[in-house]
Amino acid sequence: MEPFTGGSPITRYLIKIRLVDGITFSEDLTNCDGRQESIITQKYCLISIATLKALPYELEWNSGVYANVQAFNAYGNSGTSLTGNGAIITTVPDAPVNLRNVPALTFAT
């Protein structure tokens, strides 16, 4: 649910993801920078499994990805959302995209 804005548009989000310790939260400003216009308008960001399994997150396979969000506008900031579980890290790959049929090369001798 979006925060009440008082008529002032959201100017940024602070998005934090919980680390493996289950207590500490951290931002990923490379993949999930809530100041980016695309994230503000689309209201989501994508973080790779490789990033979530590496420092600082160090999440394991089948772990939940817990996050909380805070919104900002001209009036200030909202309270921090309840921590939600938006995804689970699984080993099931996505369907392939952009496949090409490349026939094997044959050489005459």
N, C-alpha and C. Protein backbone atom coordinates (compact mmCIF):
# COMPACT_ATOMS: atom_id res chain seq x y z
N MET A 1 0.84 -1.17 0.00
CA MET A 1 0.00 0.00 0.00
C MET A 1 0.89 1.24 0.00
N GLU A 2 0.55 2.18 -0.85
CA GLU A 2 1.35 3.40 -0.94
C GLU A 2 1.06 4.31 0.25
N PRO A 3 2.06 5.07 0.68
CA PRO A 3 1.84 5.98 1.81
C PRO A 3 0.99 7.18 1.38
N PHE A 4 0.32 7.80 2.33
CA PHE A 4 -0.41 9.05 2.07
C PHE A 4 0.63 10.11 1.74
N THR A 5 0.44 10.83 0.63
CA THR A 5 1.45 11.77 0.17
C THR A 5 1.09 13.22 0.45
N GLY A 6 -0.13 13.50 0.90
CA GLY A 6 -0.55 14.89 1.13
C GLY A 6 -0.57 15.70 -0.15
N GLY A 7 -0.63 15.03 -1.30
CA GLY A 7 -0.65 15.71 -2.58
C GLY A 7 0.72 15.99 -3.16
N SER A 8 1.77 15.66 -2.45
CA SER A 8 3.13 15.86 -2.95
C SER A 8 3.66 14.53 -3.47
N PRO A 9 4.20 14.49 -4.68
CA PRO A 9 4.67 13.21 -5.23
C PRO A 9 5.85 12.64 -4.45
N ILE A 10 5.94 11.32 -4.49
CA ILE A 10 7.09 10.62 -3.89
C ILE A 10 8.34 11.02 -4.66
N THR A 11 9.38 11.42 -3.95
CA THR A 11 10.64 11.82 -4.60
C THR A 11 11.70 10.75 -4.51
N ARG A 12 11.56 9.83 -3.55
CA ARG A 12 12.50 8.71 -3.46
C ARG A 12 11.98 7.70 -2.46
N TYR A 13 12.52 6.50 -2.54
CA TYR A 13 12.25 5.44 -1.58
C TYR A 13 13.57 5.02 -0.95
N LEU A 14 13.52 4.62 0.28
CA LEU A 14 14.66 4.00 0.96
C LEU A 14 14.29 2.53 1.10
N ILE A 15 14.99 1.67 0.36
CA ILE A 15 14.67 0.24 0.30
C ILE A 15 15.82 -0.51 0.95
N LYS A 16 15.48 -1.27 1.98
CA LYS A 16 16.52 -2.02 2.70
C LYS A 16 16.16 -3.50 2.72
N ILE A 17 17.19 -4.32 2.56
CA ILE A 17 17.04 -5.78 2.53
C ILE A 17 17.75 -6.37 3.75
N ARG A 18 17.09 -7.33 4.37
CA ARG A 18 17.64 -7.93 5.59
C ARG A 18 18.78 -8.88 5.27
N LEU A 19 19.85 -8.77 6.05
CA LEU A 19 21.03 -9.62 5.90
C LEU A 19 20.78 -10.99 6.52
N VAL A 20 21.71 -11.89 6.31
CA VAL A 20 21.60 -13.26 6.79
C VAL A 20 21.49 -13.33 8.32
N ASP A 21 21.98 -12.31 9.04
CA ASP A 21 21.89 -12.35 10.51
C ASP A 21 20.46 -12.21 11.02
N GLY A 22 19.52 -11.84 10.12
CA GLY A 22 18.13 -11.74 10.50
C GLY A 22 17.76 -10.47 11.25
N ILE A 23 18.73 -9.58 11.45
CA ILE A 23 18.50 -8.36 12.24
C ILE A 23 18.83 -7.11 11.42
N THR A 24 20.00 -7.12 10.81
CA THR A 24 20.54 -5.95 10.13
C THR A 24 19.95 -5.83 8.72
N PHE A 25 19.70 -4.59 8.30
CA PHE A 25 19.22 -4.30 6.94
C PHE A 25 20.26 -3.46 6.22
N SER A 26 20.31 -3.60 4.89
CA SER A 26 21.27 -2.86 4.09
C SER A 26 20.62 -2.45 2.76
N GLU A 27 21.08 -1.32 2.21
CA GLU A 27 20.64 -0.87 0.90
C GLU A 27 21.53 -1.46 -0.19
N ASP A 28 20.97 -1.68 -1.36
CA ASP A 28 21.74 -2.05 -2.54
C ASP A 28 21.59 -0.89 -3.53
N LEU A 29 22.50 0.08 -3.45
CA LEU A 29 22.39 1.27 -4.28
C LEU A 29 22.77 1.02 -5.73
N THR A 30 23.32 -0.14 -6.02
CA THR A 30 23.63 -0.48 -7.41
C THR A 30 22.38 -0.95 -8.14
N ASN A 31 21.62 -1.84 -7.53
CA ASN A 31 20.46 -2.46 -8.20
C ASN A 31 19.11 -1.93 -7.73
N CYS A 32 19.08 -1.32 -6.58
CA CYS A 32 17.79 -0.97 -5.98
C CYS A 32 17.84 0.41 -5.33
N ASP A 33 18.34 1.39 -6.07
CA ASP A 33 18.47 2.76 -5.57
C ASP A 33 17.12 3.46 -5.71
N GLY A 34 16.45 3.68 -4.60
CA GLY A 34 15.12 4.27 -4.58
C GLY A 34 15.07 5.72 -5.00
N ARG A 35 16.20 6.30 -5.40
CA ARG A 35 16.21 7.66 -5.95
C ARG A 35 16.05 7.65 -7.46
N GLN A 36 16.17 6.47 -8.09
CA GLN A 36 16.05 6.37 -9.55
C GLN A 36 14.59 6.52 -9.96
N GLU A 37 14.37 7.35 -10.98
CA GLU A 37 13.01 7.62 -11.46
C GLU A 37 12.26 6.35 -11.83
N SER A 38 12.94 5.39 -12.46
CA SER A 38 12.27 4.15 -12.88
C SER A 38 11.76 3.36 -11.67
N ILE A 39 12.49 3.35 -10.60
CA ILE A 39 12.06 2.64 -9.39
C ILE A 39 10.92 3.39 -8.72
N ILE A 40 10.98 4.71 -8.71
CA ILE A 40 9.90 5.51 -8.12
C ILE A 40 8.59 5.28 -8.87
N THR A 41 8.62 5.29 -10.19
CA THR A 41 7.39 5.14 -10.96
C THR A 41 6.92 3.68 -11.04
N GLN A 42 7.83 2.74 -11.18
CA GLN A 42 7.44 1.33 -11.31
C GLN A 42 7.19 0.67 -9.96
N LYS A 43 7.77 1.23 -8.91
CA LYS A 43 7.60 0.74 -7.54
C LYS A 43 8.15 -0.66 -7.31
N TYR A 44 9.23 -0.98 -8.00
CA TYR A 44 9.95 -2.22 -7.73
C TYR A 44 11.36 -2.11 -8.26
N CYS A 45 12.22 -3.02 -7.80
CA CYS A 45 13.57 -3.13 -8.32
C CYS A 45 13.94 -4.61 -8.37
N LEU A 46 14.96 -4.92 -9.14
CA LEU A 46 15.41 -6.29 -9.30
C LEU A 46 16.84 -6.42 -8.79
N ILE A 47 17.06 -7.43 -7.97
CA ILE A 47 18.39 -7.72 -7.45
C ILE A 47 18.70 -9.17 -7.79
N SER A 48 19.85 -9.42 -8.39
CA SER A 48 20.19 -10.77 -8.83
C SER A 48 20.42 -11.70 -7.64
N ILE A 49 20.22 -12.98 -7.89
CA ILE A 49 20.50 -13.98 -6.87
C ILE A 49 21.97 -13.93 -6.48
N ALA A 50 22.85 -13.71 -7.45
CA ALA A 50 24.29 -13.64 -7.15
C ALA A 50 24.57 -12.51 -6.15
N THR A 51 23.89 -11.39 -6.29
CA THR A 51 24.08 -10.28 -5.35
C THR A 51 23.56 -10.65 -3.97
N LEU A 52 22.40 -11.28 -3.90
CA LEU A 52 21.81 -11.64 -2.60
C LEU A 52 22.61 -12.74 -1.89
N LYS A 53 23.32 -13.57 -2.65
CA LYS A 53 24.13 -14.62 -2.03
C LYS A 53 25.51 -14.11 -1.60
N ALA A 54 25.89 -12.94 -2.10
CA ALA A 54 27.22 -12.37 -1.79
C ALA A 54 27.11 -11.39 -0.61
N LEU A 55 28.28 -10.86 -0.20
CA LEU A 55 28.31 -9.83 0.83
C LEU A 55 27.56 -8.60 0.35
N PRO A 56 26.85 -7.89 1.15
CA PRO A 56 26.70 -8.07 2.58
C PRO A 56 25.56 -9.00 2.97
N TYR A 57 24.75 -9.46 2.00
CA TYR A 57 23.52 -10.20 2.34
C TYR A 57 23.80 -11.64 2.75
N GLU A 58 24.57 -12.36 1.95
CA GLU A 58 24.95 -13.75 2.22
C GLU A 58 23.75 -14.68 2.46
N LEU A 59 22.69 -14.50 1.69
CA LEU A 59 21.51 -15.34 1.84
C LEU A 59 21.77 -16.71 1.21
N GLU A 60 21.16 -17.72 1.77
CA GLU A 60 21.33 -19.10 1.30
C GLU A 60 20.21 -19.45 0.34
N TRP A 61 20.39 -20.54 -0.43
CA TRP A 61 19.32 -21.05 -1.27
C TRP A 61 18.11 -21.33 -0.40
N ASN A 62 16.92 -21.09 -0.93
CA ASN A 62 15.63 -21.28 -0.25
C ASN A 62 15.40 -20.29 0.89
N SER A 63 16.22 -19.25 0.99
CA SER A 63 16.00 -18.20 1.98
C SER A 63 14.94 -17.23 1.48
N GLY A 64 14.21 -16.66 2.41
CA GLY A 64 13.30 -15.57 2.06
C GLY A 64 14.10 -14.29 1.93
N VAL A 65 13.64 -13.41 1.05
CA VAL A 65 14.27 -12.11 0.87
C VAL A 65 13.34 -11.10 1.55
N TYR A 66 13.75 -10.60 2.70
CA TYR A 66 12.92 -9.70 3.50
C TYR A 66 13.38 -8.26 3.29
N ALA A 67 12.43 -7.38 3.11
CA ALA A 67 12.77 -5.98 2.85
C ALA A 67 11.77 -5.06 3.56
N ASN A 68 12.19 -3.82 3.77
CA ASN A 68 11.26 -2.78 4.21
C ASN A 68 11.55 -1.52 3.42
N VAL A 69 10.55 -0.63 3.38
CA VAL A 69 10.61 0.54 2.52
C VAL A 69 10.13 1.76 3.28
N GLN A 70 10.73 2.89 2.96
CA GLN A 70 10.32 4.18 3.50
C GLN A 70 10.21 5.13 2.31
N ALA A 71 9.16 5.94 2.27
CA ALA A 71 8.94 6.88 1.16
C ALA A 71 9.24 8.30 1.63
N PHE A 72 9.71 9.13 0.66
CA PHE A 72 10.04 10.53 0.95
C PHE A 72 9.37 11.43 -0.07
N ASN A 73 8.93 12.61 0.40
CA ASN A 73 8.43 13.65 -0.50
C ASN A 73 8.71 15.01 0.13
N ALA A 74 8.11 16.06 -0.40
CA ALA A 74 8.37 17.42 0.08
C ALA A 74 8.00 17.61 1.54
N TYR A 75 7.09 16.78 2.06
CA TYR A 75 6.66 16.91 3.45
C TYR A 75 7.53 16.13 4.43
N GLY A 76 8.42 15.30 3.93
CA GLY A 76 9.27 14.50 4.81
C GLY A 76 9.22 13.04 4.43
N ASN A 77 9.26 12.17 5.43
CA ASN A 77 9.30 10.74 5.16
C ASN A 77 8.16 10.02 5.85
N SER A 78 7.79 8.90 5.26
CA SER A 78 6.79 8.03 5.87
C SER A 78 7.47 7.21 6.96
N GLY A 79 6.69 6.50 7.72
CA GLY A 79 7.27 5.51 8.61
C GLY A 79 7.80 4.36 7.79
N THR A 80 8.63 3.54 8.38
CA THR A 80 9.16 2.37 7.68
C THR A 80 8.08 1.31 7.61
N SER A 81 7.92 0.70 6.45
CA SER A 81 6.93 -0.35 6.27
C SER A 81 7.24 -1.54 7.16
N LEU A 82 6.25 -2.39 7.34
CA LEU A 82 6.51 -3.67 7.98
C LEU A 82 7.43 -4.46 7.07
N THR A 83 8.25 -5.29 7.65
CA THR A 83 9.16 -6.11 6.85
C THR A 83 8.36 -7.18 6.13
N GLY A 84 8.51 -7.23 4.81
CA GLY A 84 7.78 -8.20 4.01
C GLY A 84 8.72 -9.16 3.32
N ASN A 85 8.20 -10.34 3.01
CA ASN A 85 8.96 -11.36 2.29
C ASN A 85 8.45 -11.37 0.87
N GLY A 86 9.19 -10.73 -0.04
CA GLY A 86 8.75 -10.61 -1.41
C GLY A 86 9.25 -11.68 -2.34
N ALA A 87 10.18 -12.52 -1.90
CA ALA A 87 10.75 -13.52 -2.81
C ALA A 87 11.45 -14.60 -2.00
N ILE A 88 11.67 -15.71 -2.66
CA ILE A 88 12.46 -16.81 -2.09
C ILE A 88 13.53 -17.16 -3.11
N ILE A 89 14.75 -17.32 -2.65
CA ILE A 89 15.85 -17.68 -3.55
C ILE A 89 15.75 -19.17 -3.84
N THR A 90 15.48 -19.49 -5.12
CA THR A 90 15.34 -20.89 -5.51
C THR A 90 16.36 -21.23 -6.59
N THR A 91 16.52 -22.51 -6.81
CA THR A 91 17.47 -22.98 -7.82
C THR A 91 16.79 -23.24 -9.15
N VAL A 92 15.50 -22.94 -9.27
CA VAL A 92 14.79 -23.14 -10.52
C VAL A 92 15.12 -21.99 -11.45
N PRO A 93 15.73 -22.26 -12.59
CA PRO A 93 16.11 -21.17 -13.50
C PRO A 93 14.91 -20.61 -14.24
N ASP A 94 15.04 -19.38 -14.70
CA ASP A 94 14.03 -18.78 -15.57
C ASP A 94 14.09 -19.46 -16.93
N ALA A 95 13.01 -19.32 -17.68
CA ALA A 95 12.99 -19.86 -19.03
C ALA A 95 14.02 -19.13 -19.88
N PRO A 96 14.66 -19.83 -20.81
CA PRO A 96 15.66 -19.18 -21.66
C PRO A 96 15.00 -18.14 -22.58
N VAL A 97 15.76 -17.12 -22.92
CA VAL A 97 15.28 -16.09 -23.85
C VAL A 97 16.34 -15.87 -24.93
N ASN A 98 15.91 -15.36 -26.06
CA ASN A 98 16.80 -15.03 -27.16
C ASN A 98 17.65 -16.21 -27.63
N LEU A 99 17.03 -17.36 -27.74
CA LEU A 99 17.76 -18.54 -28.22
C LEU A 99 17.95 -18.44 -29.73
N ARG A 100 19.06 -18.97 -30.20
CA ARG A 100 19.35 -18.99 -31.63
C ARG A 100 19.75 -20.39 -32.03
N ASN A 101 19.36 -20.78 -33.21
CA ASN A 101 19.77 -22.06 -33.75
C ASN A 101 21.07 -21.84 -34.53
N VAL A 102 22.17 -22.38 -34.03
CA VAL A 102 23.46 -22.22 -34.68
C VAL A 102 23.93 -23.61 -35.10
N PRO A 103 23.84 -23.91 -36.40
CA PRO A 103 24.23 -25.26 -36.84
C PRO A 103 25.72 -25.47 -36.64
N ALA A 104 26.07 -26.72 -36.41
CA ALA A 104 27.48 -27.08 -36.23
C ALA A 104 28.26 -26.83 -37.51
N LEU A 105 29.47 -26.41 -37.36
CA LEU A 105 30.35 -26.20 -38.50
C LEU A 105 30.96 -27.52 -38.94
N THR A 106 31.07 -27.71 -40.25
CA THR A 106 31.72 -28.93 -40.77
C THR A 106 32.90 -28.48 -41.62
N PHE A 107 33.96 -29.23 -41.55
CA PHE A 107 35.17 -28.92 -42.28
C PHE A 107 35.47 -30.06 -43.26
N ALA A 108 35.79 -29.66 -44.47
CA ALA A 108 36.20 -30.64 -45.47
C ALA A 108 37.69 -30.91 -45.29
N THR A 109 38.06 -32.15 -45.41
CA THR A 109 39.48 -32.49 -45.28
C THR A 109 40.10 -32.87 -46.59
